[in-house]
Amino acid sequence: MAAKLNSKSDDTFESSLKELEDILAQLENPQIPLSDLVEKYERAKKCLAFCRQKLDDAELSIKKLSKDSSEDFNIEQE
């Protein structure tokens, strides 16, 4: 699981979000050893940072597209 974001083919928002959700579910286990807890927490931070960066990139792209759009889209009624 830890190498998931290191592979270019798996570098997607969806895969990182899924991994983050999986880690958070694992962290709810009160029996998890402290060393595993710290490792999972670090991995969750990396996944979260990756997801935030992807969201920021998407927001910037949308703002650029919106700024460049000089015409309104009209939906014609049939």
PDB file of N, CA and C in Angstrom:
ATOM      1  N   MET A   1       0.824  -1.199   0.000  1.00  0.00           N
ATOM      2  CA  MET A   1       0.000   0.000   0.000  1.00  0.00           C
ATOM      3  C   MET A   1       0.858   1.250   0.000  1.00  0.00           C
ATOM      4  N   ALA A   2       1.975   1.243   0.685  1.00  0.00           N
ATOM      5  CA  ALA A   2       2.796   2.439   0.822  1.00  0.00           C
ATOM      6  C   ALA A   2       3.391   2.898  -0.491  1.00  0.00           C
ATOM      7  N   ALA A   3       3.563   2.004  -1.441  1.00  0.00           N
ATOM      8  CA  ALA A   3       4.172   2.380  -2.712  1.00  0.00           C
ATOM      9  C   ALA A   3       3.141   2.836  -3.730  1.00  0.00           C
ATOM     10  N   LYS A   4       1.885   2.899  -3.347  1.00  0.00           N
ATOM     11  CA  LYS A   4       0.829   3.187  -4.301  1.00  0.00           C
ATOM     12  C   LYS A   4       1.025   4.505  -5.036  1.00  0.00           C
ATOM     13  N   LEU A   5       1.354   5.571  -4.330  1.00  0.00           N
ATOM     14  CA  LEU A   5       1.503   6.869  -4.974  1.00  0.00           C
ATOM     15  C   LEU A   5       2.835   7.013  -5.694  1.00  0.00           C
ATOM     16  N   ASN A   6       3.762   6.099  -5.488  1.00  0.00           N
ATOM     17  CA  ASN A   6       5.041   6.173  -6.167  1.00  0.00           C
ATOM     18  C   ASN A   6       4.952   5.685  -7.600  1.00  0.00           C
ATOM     19  N   SER A   7       3.942   4.929  -7.915  1.00  0.00           N
ATOM     20  CA  SER A   7       3.743   4.420  -9.265  1.00  0.00           C
ATOM     21  C   SER A   7       2.952   5.447 -10.066  1.00  0.00           C
ATOM     22  N   LYS A   8       3.490   5.850 -11.218  1.00  0.00           N
ATOM     23  CA  LYS A   8       2.838   6.882 -12.030  1.00  0.00           C
ATOM     24  C   LYS A   8       1.455   6.461 -12.500  1.00  0.00           C
ATOM     25  N   SER A   9       1.237   5.173 -12.732  1.00  0.00           N
ATOM     26  CA  SER A   9      -0.058   4.721 -13.231  1.00  0.00           C
ATOM     27  C   SER A   9      -1.157   4.855 -12.172  1.00  0.00           C
ATOM     28  N   ASP A  10      -0.784   4.904 -10.892  1.00  0.00           N
ATOM     29  CA  ASP A  10      -1.770   5.002  -9.828  1.00  0.00           C
ATOM     30  C   ASP A  10      -1.904   6.417  -9.272  1.00  0.00           C
ATOM     31  N   ASP A  11      -1.239   7.378  -9.864  1.00  0.00           N
ATOM     32  CA  ASP A  11      -1.295   8.756  -9.382  1.00  0.00           C
ATOM     33  C   ASP A  11      -2.596   9.422  -9.819  1.00  0.00           C
ATOM     34  N   THR A  12      -3.680   9.034  -9.178  1.00  0.00           N
ATOM     35  CA  THR A  12      -4.953   9.681  -9.464  1.00  0.00           C
ATOM     36  C   THR A  12      -5.563  10.152  -8.157  1.00  0.00           C
ATOM     37  N   PHE A  13      -6.399  11.136  -8.263  1.00  0.00           N
ATOM     38  CA  PHE A  13      -7.107  11.643  -7.095  1.00  0.00           C
ATOM     39  C   PHE A  13      -7.939  10.530  -6.469  1.00  0.00           C
ATOM     40  N   GLU A  14      -8.642   9.791  -7.313  1.00  0.00           N
ATOM     41  CA  GLU A  14      -9.542   8.753  -6.824  1.00  0.00           C
ATOM     42  C   GLU A  14      -8.802   7.642  -6.079  1.00  0.00           C
ATOM     43  N   SER A  15      -7.668   7.200  -6.625  1.00  0.00           N
ATOM     44  CA  SER A  15      -6.917   6.132  -5.952  1.00  0.00           C
ATOM     45  C   SER A  15      -6.323   6.627  -4.633  1.00  0.00           C
ATOM     46  N   SER A  16      -5.878   7.869  -4.608  1.00  0.00           N
ATOM     47  CA  SER A  16      -5.318   8.431  -3.377  1.00  0.00           C
ATOM     48  C   SER A  16      -6.398   8.634  -2.326  1.00  0.00           C
ATOM     49  N   LEU A  17      -7.559   9.084  -2.763  1.00  0.00           N
ATOM     50  CA  LEU A  17      -8.665   9.278  -1.829  1.00  0.00           C
ATOM     51  C   LEU A  17      -9.112   7.937  -1.251  1.00  0.00           C
ATOM     52  N   LYS A  18      -9.175   6.919  -2.094  1.00  0.00           N
ATOM     53  CA  LYS A  18      -9.549   5.580  -1.626  1.00  0.00           C
ATOM     54  C   LYS A  18      -8.527   5.069  -0.609  1.00  0.00           C
ATOM     55  N   GLU A  19      -7.254   5.262  -0.908  1.00  0.00           N
ATOM     56  CA  GLU A  19      -6.213   4.834   0.029  1.00  0.00           C
ATOM     57  C   GLU A  19      -6.336   5.583   1.349  1.00  0.00           C
ATOM     58  N   LEU A  20      -6.599   6.876   1.281  1.00  0.00           N
ATOM     59  CA  LEU A  20      -6.766   7.677   2.492  1.00  0.00           C
ATOM     60  C   LEU A  20      -7.954   7.167   3.311  1.00  0.00           C
ATOM     61  N   GLU A  21      -9.061   6.869   2.646  1.00  0.00           N
ATOM     62  CA  GLU A  21     -10.230   6.337   3.347  1.00  0.00           C
ATOM     63  C   GLU A  21      -9.911   4.997   4.009  1.00  0.00           C
ATOM     64  N   ASP A  22      -9.159   4.148   3.306  1.00  0.00           N
ATOM     65  CA  ASP A  22      -8.770   2.852   3.865  1.00  0.00           C
ATOM     66  C   ASP A  22      -7.895   3.024   5.110  1.00  0.00           C
ATOM     67  N   ILE A  23      -6.952   3.946   5.025  1.00  0.00           N
ATOM     68  CA  ILE A  23      -6.059   4.194   6.162  1.00  0.00           C
ATOM     69  C   ILE A  23      -6.856   4.719   7.350  1.00  0.00           C
ATOM     70  N   LEU A  24      -7.766   5.644   7.102  1.00  0.00           N
ATOM     71  CA  LEU A  24      -8.561   6.196   8.201  1.00  0.00           C
ATOM     72  C   LEU A  24      -9.406   5.121   8.867  1.00  0.00           C
ATOM     73  N   ALA A  25      -9.923   4.195   8.076  1.00  0.00           N
ATOM     74  CA  ALA A  25     -10.685   3.092   8.656  1.00  0.00           C
ATOM     75  C   ALA A  25      -9.780   2.222   9.526  1.00  0.00           C
ATOM     76  N   GLN A  26      -8.569   1.987   9.075  1.00  0.00           N
ATOM     77  CA  GLN A  26      -7.619   1.185   9.856  1.00  0.00           C
ATOM     78  C   GLN A  26      -7.224   1.886  11.148  1.00  0.00           C
ATOM     79  N   LEU A  27      -7.120   3.208  11.100  1.00  0.00           N
ATOM     80  CA  LEU A  27      -6.713   3.969  12.283  1.00  0.00           C
ATOM     81  C   LEU A  27      -7.771   3.942  13.383  1.00  0.00           C
ATOM     82  N   GLU A  28      -8.991   3.576  13.040  1.00  0.00           N
ATOM     83  CA  GLU A  28     -10.051   3.495  14.039  1.00  0.00           C
ATOM     84  C   GLU A  28      -9.909   2.256  14.928  1.00  0.00           C
ATOM     85  N   ASN A  29      -9.038   1.346  14.555  1.00  0.00           N
ATOM     86  CA  ASN A  29      -8.806   0.130  15.332  1.00  0.00           C
ATOM     87  C   ASN A  29      -8.001   0.479  16.580  1.00  0.00           C
ATOM     88  N   PRO A  30      -8.590   0.289  17.757  1.00  0.00           N
ATOM     89  CA  PRO A  30      -7.866   0.648  18.993  1.00  0.00           C
ATOM     90  C   PRO A  30      -6.710  -0.298  19.312  1.00  0.00           C
ATOM     91  N   GLN A  31      -6.617  -1.413  18.618  1.00  0.00           N
ATOM     92  CA  GLN A  31      -5.570  -2.393  18.891  1.00  0.00           C
ATOM     93  C   GLN A  31      -4.322  -2.182  18.037  1.00  0.00           C
ATOM     94  N   ILE A  32      -4.305  -1.161  17.200  1.00  0.00           N
ATOM     95  CA  ILE A  32      -3.180  -0.941  16.292  1.00  0.00           C
ATOM     96  C   ILE A  32      -1.937  -0.543  17.094  1.00  0.00           C
ATOM     97  N   PRO A  33      -0.798  -1.184  16.832  1.00  0.00           N
ATOM     98  CA  PRO A  33       0.445  -0.819  17.538  1.00  0.00           C
ATOM     99  C   PRO A  33       0.871   0.615  17.211  1.00  0.00           C
ATOM    100  N   LEU A  34       1.519   1.243  18.156  1.00  0.00           N
ATOM    101  CA  LEU A  34       1.933   2.636  17.994  1.00  0.00           C
ATOM    102  C   LEU A  34       2.807   2.836  16.764  1.00  0.00           C
ATOM    103  N   SER A  35       3.729   1.922  16.502  1.00  0.00           N
ATOM    104  CA  SER A  35       4.610   2.074  15.340  1.00  0.00           C
ATOM    105  C   SER A  35       3.809   2.043  14.040  1.00  0.00           C
ATOM    106  N   ASP A  36       2.802   1.165  13.968  1.00  0.00           N
ATOM    107  CA  ASP A  36       1.943   1.113  12.780  1.00  0.00           C
ATOM    108  C   ASP A  36       1.089   2.372  12.674  1.00  0.00           C
ATOM    109  N   LEU A  37       0.642   2.850  13.817  1.00  0.00           N
ATOM    110  CA  LEU A  37      -0.171   4.056  13.849  1.00  0.00           C
ATOM    111  C   LEU A  37       0.592   5.239  13.265  1.00  0.00           C
ATOM    112  N   VAL A  38       1.831   5.390  13.672  1.00  0.00           N
ATOM    113  CA  VAL A  38       2.657   6.491  13.179  1.00  0.00           C
ATOM    114  C   VAL A  38       2.900   6.342  11.674  1.00  0.00           C
ATOM    115  N   GLU A  39       3.199   5.135  11.230  1.00  0.00           N
ATOM    116  CA  GLU A  39       3.443   4.887   9.807  1.00  0.00           C
ATOM    117  C   GLU A  39       2.191   5.186   8.972  1.00  0.00           C
ATOM    118  N   LYS A  40       1.046   4.738   9.446  1.00  0.00           N
ATOM    119  CA  LYS A  40      -0.197   4.981   8.717  1.00  0.00           C
ATOM    120  C   LYS A  40      -0.560   6.465   8.711  1.00  0.00           C
ATOM    121  N   TYR A  41      -0.283   7.130   9.830  1.00  0.00           N
ATOM    122  CA  TYR A  41      -0.542   8.567   9.911  1.00  0.00           C
ATOM    123  C   TYR A  41       0.311   9.327   8.894  1.00  0.00           C
ATOM    124  N   GLU A  42       1.574   8.966   8.789  1.00  0.00           N
ATOM    125  CA  GLU A  42       2.463   9.609   7.814  1.00  0.00           C
ATOM    126  C   GLU A  42       1.970   9.370   6.390  1.00  0.00           C
ATOM    127  N   ARG A  43       1.541   8.150   6.106  1.00  0.00           N
ATOM    128  CA  ARG A  43       1.039   7.820   4.772  1.00  0.00           C
ATOM    129  C   ARG A  43      -0.245   8.597   4.483  1.00  0.00           C
ATOM    130  N   ALA A  44      -1.105   8.711   5.483  1.00  0.00           N
ATOM    131  CA  ALA A  44      -2.351   9.463   5.317  1.00  0.00           C
ATOM    132  C   ALA A  44      -2.052  10.928   5.006  1.00  0.00           C
ATOM    133  N   LYS A  45      -1.041  11.490   5.668  1.00  0.00           N
ATOM    134  CA  LYS A  45      -0.658  12.883   5.394  1.00  0.00           C
ATOM    135  C   LYS A  45      -0.212  13.054   3.948  1.00  0.00           C
ATOM    136  N   LYS A  46       0.546  12.081   3.427  1.00  0.00           N
ATOM    137  CA  LYS A  46       1.004  12.149   2.036  1.00  0.00           C
ATOM    138  C   LYS A  46      -0.164  12.045   1.066  1.00  0.00           C
ATOM    139  N   CYS A  47      -1.081  11.149   1.358  1.00  0.00           N
ATOM    140  CA  CYS A  47      -2.261  10.996   0.500  1.00  0.00           C
ATOM    141  C   CYS A  47      -3.104  12.277   0.521  1.00  0.00           C
ATOM    142  N   LEU A  48      -3.267  12.838   1.698  1.00  0.00           N
ATOM    143  CA  LEU A  48      -4.053  14.061   1.834  1.00  0.00           C
ATOM    144  C   LEU A  48      -3.409  15.216   1.072  1.00  0.00           C
ATOM    145  N   ALA A  49      -2.097  15.351   1.189  1.00  0.00           N
ATOM    146  CA  ALA A  49      -1.393  16.411   0.465  1.00  0.00           C
ATOM    147  C   ALA A  49      -1.541  16.229  -1.046  1.00  0.00           C
ATOM    148  N   PHE A  50      -1.439  14.988  -1.506  1.00  0.00           N
ATOM    149  CA  PHE A  50      -1.594  14.696  -2.931  1.00  0.00           C
ATOM    150  C   PHE A  50      -3.000  15.066  -3.403  1.00  0.00           C
ATOM    151  N   CYS A  51      -4.014  14.676  -2.627  1.00  0.00           N
ATOM    152  CA  CYS A  51      -5.401  14.985  -2.992  1.00  0.00           C
ATOM    153  C   CYS A  51      -5.637  16.496  -3.009  1.00  0.00           C
ATOM    154  N   ARG A  52      -5.112  17.180  -2.034  1.00  0.00           N
ATOM    155  CA  ARG A  52      -5.268  18.646  -1.994  1.00  0.00           C
ATOM    156  C   ARG A  52      -4.613  19.297  -3.214  1.00  0.00           C
ATOM    157  N   GLN A  53      -3.435  18.803  -3.590  1.00  0.00           N
ATOM    158  CA  GLN A  53      -2.746  19.355  -4.756  1.00  0.00           C
ATOM    159  C   GLN A  53      -3.558  19.118  -6.030  1.00  0.00           C
ATOM    160  N   LYS A  54      -4.113  17.926  -6.164  1.00  0.00           N
ATOM    161  CA  LYS A  54      -4.945  17.611  -7.336  1.00  0.00           C
ATOM    162  C   LYS A  54      -6.180  18.508  -7.373  1.00  0.00           C
ATOM    163  N   LEU A  55      -6.791  18.740  -6.222  1.00  0.00           N
ATOM    164  CA  LEU A  55      -7.957  19.628  -6.168  1.00  0.00           C
ATOM    165  C   LEU A  55      -7.576  21.068  -6.512  1.00  0.00           C
ATOM    166  N   ASP A  56      -6.441  21.522  -5.998  1.00  0.00           N
ATOM    167  CA  ASP A  56      -5.960  22.873  -6.317  1.00  0.00           C
ATOM    168  C   ASP A  56      -5.689  23.009  -7.814  1.00  0.00           C
ATOM    169  N   ASP A  57      -5.071  21.984  -8.401  1.00  0.00           N
ATOM    170  CA  ASP A  57      -4.789  22.002  -9.838  1.00  0.00           C
ATOM    171  C   ASP A  57      -6.083  22.047 -10.648  1.00  0.00           C
ATOM    172  N   ALA A  58      -7.063  21.261 -10.232  1.00  0.00           N
ATOM    173  CA  ALA A  58      -8.345  21.241 -10.937  1.00  0.00           C
ATOM    174  C   ALA A  58      -9.041  22.595 -10.821  1.00  0.00           C
ATOM    175  N   GLU A  59      -9.000  23.192  -9.640  1.00  0.00           N
ATOM    176  CA  GLU A  59      -9.622  24.500  -9.435  1.00  0.00           C
ATOM    177  C   GLU A  59      -8.960  25.560 -10.317  1.00  0.00           C
ATOM    178  N   LEU A  60      -7.635  25.526 -10.397  1.00  0.00           N
ATOM    179  CA  LEU A  60      -6.912  26.475 -11.231  1.00  0.00           C
ATOM    180  C   LEU A  60      -7.280  26.290 -12.701  1.00  0.00           C
ATOM    181  N   SER A  61      -7.375  25.049 -13.141  1.00  0.00           N
ATOM    182  CA  SER A  61      -7.757  24.779 -14.536  1.00  0.00           C
ATOM    183  C   SER A  61      -9.151  25.296 -14.838  1.00  0.00           C
ATOM    184  N   ILE A  62     -10.068  25.099 -13.908  1.00  0.00           N
ATOM    185  CA  ILE A  62     -11.442  25.570 -14.105  1.00  0.00           C
ATOM    186  C   ILE A  62     -11.481  27.091 -14.149  1.00  0.00           C
ATOM    187  N   LYS A  63     -10.720  27.743 -13.285  1.00  0.00           N
ATOM    188  CA  LYS A  63     -10.673  29.209 -13.292  1.00  0.00           C
ATOM    189  C   LYS A  63     -10.117  29.720 -14.612  1.00  0.00           C
ATOM    190  N   LYS A  64      -9.075  29.057 -15.136  1.00  0.00           N
ATOM    191  CA  LYS A  64      -8.500  29.469 -16.420  1.00  0.00           C
ATOM    192  C   LYS A  64      -9.500  29.278 -17.544  1.00  0.00           C
ATOM    193  N   LEU A  65     -10.197  28.165 -17.531  1.00  0.00           N
ATOM    194  CA  LEU A  65     -11.192  27.904 -18.568  1.00  0.00           C
ATOM    195  C   LEU A  65     -12.335  28.913 -18.495  1.00  0.00           C
ATOM    196  N   SER A  66     -12.748  29.231 -17.277  1.00  0.00           N
ATOM    197  CA  SER A  66     -13.832  30.195 -17.093  1.00  0.00           C
ATOM    198  C   SER A  66     -13.413  31.584 -17.550  1.00  0.00           C
ATOM    199  N   LYS A  67     -12.176  31.937 -17.278  1.00  0.00           N
ATOM    200  CA  LYS A  67     -11.663  33.255 -17.654  1.00  0.00           C
ATOM    201  C   LYS A  67     -11.538  33.377 -19.172  1.00  0.00           C
ATOM    202  N   ASP A  68     -11.093  32.294 -19.811  1.00  0.00           N
ATOM    203  CA  ASP A  68     -10.898  32.295 -21.261  1.00  0.00           C
ATOM    204  C   ASP A  68     -12.208  32.220 -22.035  1.00  0.00           C
ATOM    205  N   SER A  69     -13.254  31.801 -21.392  1.00  0.00           N
ATOM    206  CA  SER A  69     -14.535  31.649 -22.074  1.00  0.00           C
ATOM    207  C   SER A  69     -15.167  33.023 -22.265  1.00  0.00           C
ATOM    208  N   SER A  70     -15.340  33.394 -23.506  1.00  0.00           N
ATOM    209  CA  SER A  70     -15.913  34.712 -23.779  1.00  0.00           C
ATOM    210  C   SER A  70     -17.375  34.647 -24.174  1.00  0.00           C
ATOM    211  N   GLU A  71     -17.906  33.455 -24.337  1.00  0.00           N
ATOM    212  CA  GLU A  71     -19.312  33.337 -24.696  1.00  0.00           C
ATOM    213  C   GLU A  71     -20.049  32.495 -23.670  1.00  0.00           C
ATOM    214  N   ASP A  72     -21.293  32.819 -23.501  1.00  0.00           N
ATOM    215  CA  ASP A  72     -22.131  32.045 -22.600  1.00  0.00           C
ATOM    216  C   ASP A  72     -22.657  30.828 -23.342  1.00  0.00           C
ATOM    217  N   PHE A  73     -22.847  29.770 -22.617  1.00  0.00           N
ATOM    218  CA  PHE A  73     -23.425  28.581 -23.211  1.00  0.00           C
ATOM    219  C   PHE A  73     -24.929  28.650 -23.064  1.00  0.00           C
ATOM    220  N   ASN A  74     -25.621  28.578 -24.174  1.00  0.00           N
ATOM    221  CA  ASN A  74     -27.088  28.587 -24.146  1.00  0.00           C
ATOM    222  C   ASN A  74     -27.585  27.196 -24.490  1.00  0.00           C
ATOM    223  N   ILE A  75     -28.487  26.711 -23.688  1.00  0.00           N
ATOM    224  CA  ILE A  75     -29.100  25.422 -23.965  1.00  0.00           C
ATOM    225  C   ILE A  75     -30.428  25.681 -24.644  1.00  0.00           C
ATOM    226  N   GLU A  76     -30.543  25.182 -25.844  1.00  0.00           N
ATOM    227  CA  GLU A  76     -31.772  25.388 -26.594  1.00  0.00           C
ATOM    228  C   GLU A  76     -32.821  24.391 -26.145  1.00  0.00           C
ATOM    229  N   GLN A  77     -34.022  24.885 -25.977  1.00  0.00           N
ATOM    230  CA  GLN A  77     -35.149  24.025 -25.623  1.00  0.00           C
ATOM    231  C   GLN A  77     -35.709  23.417 -26.886  1.00  0.00           C
ATOM    232  N   GLU A  78     -35.984  22.121 -26.839  1.00  0.00           N
ATOM    233  CA  GLU A  78     -36.542  21.465 -28.023  1.00  0.00           C
ATOM    234  C   GLU A  78     -38.032  21.516 -28.006  1.00  0.00           C
TER     235      GLU A  78
END
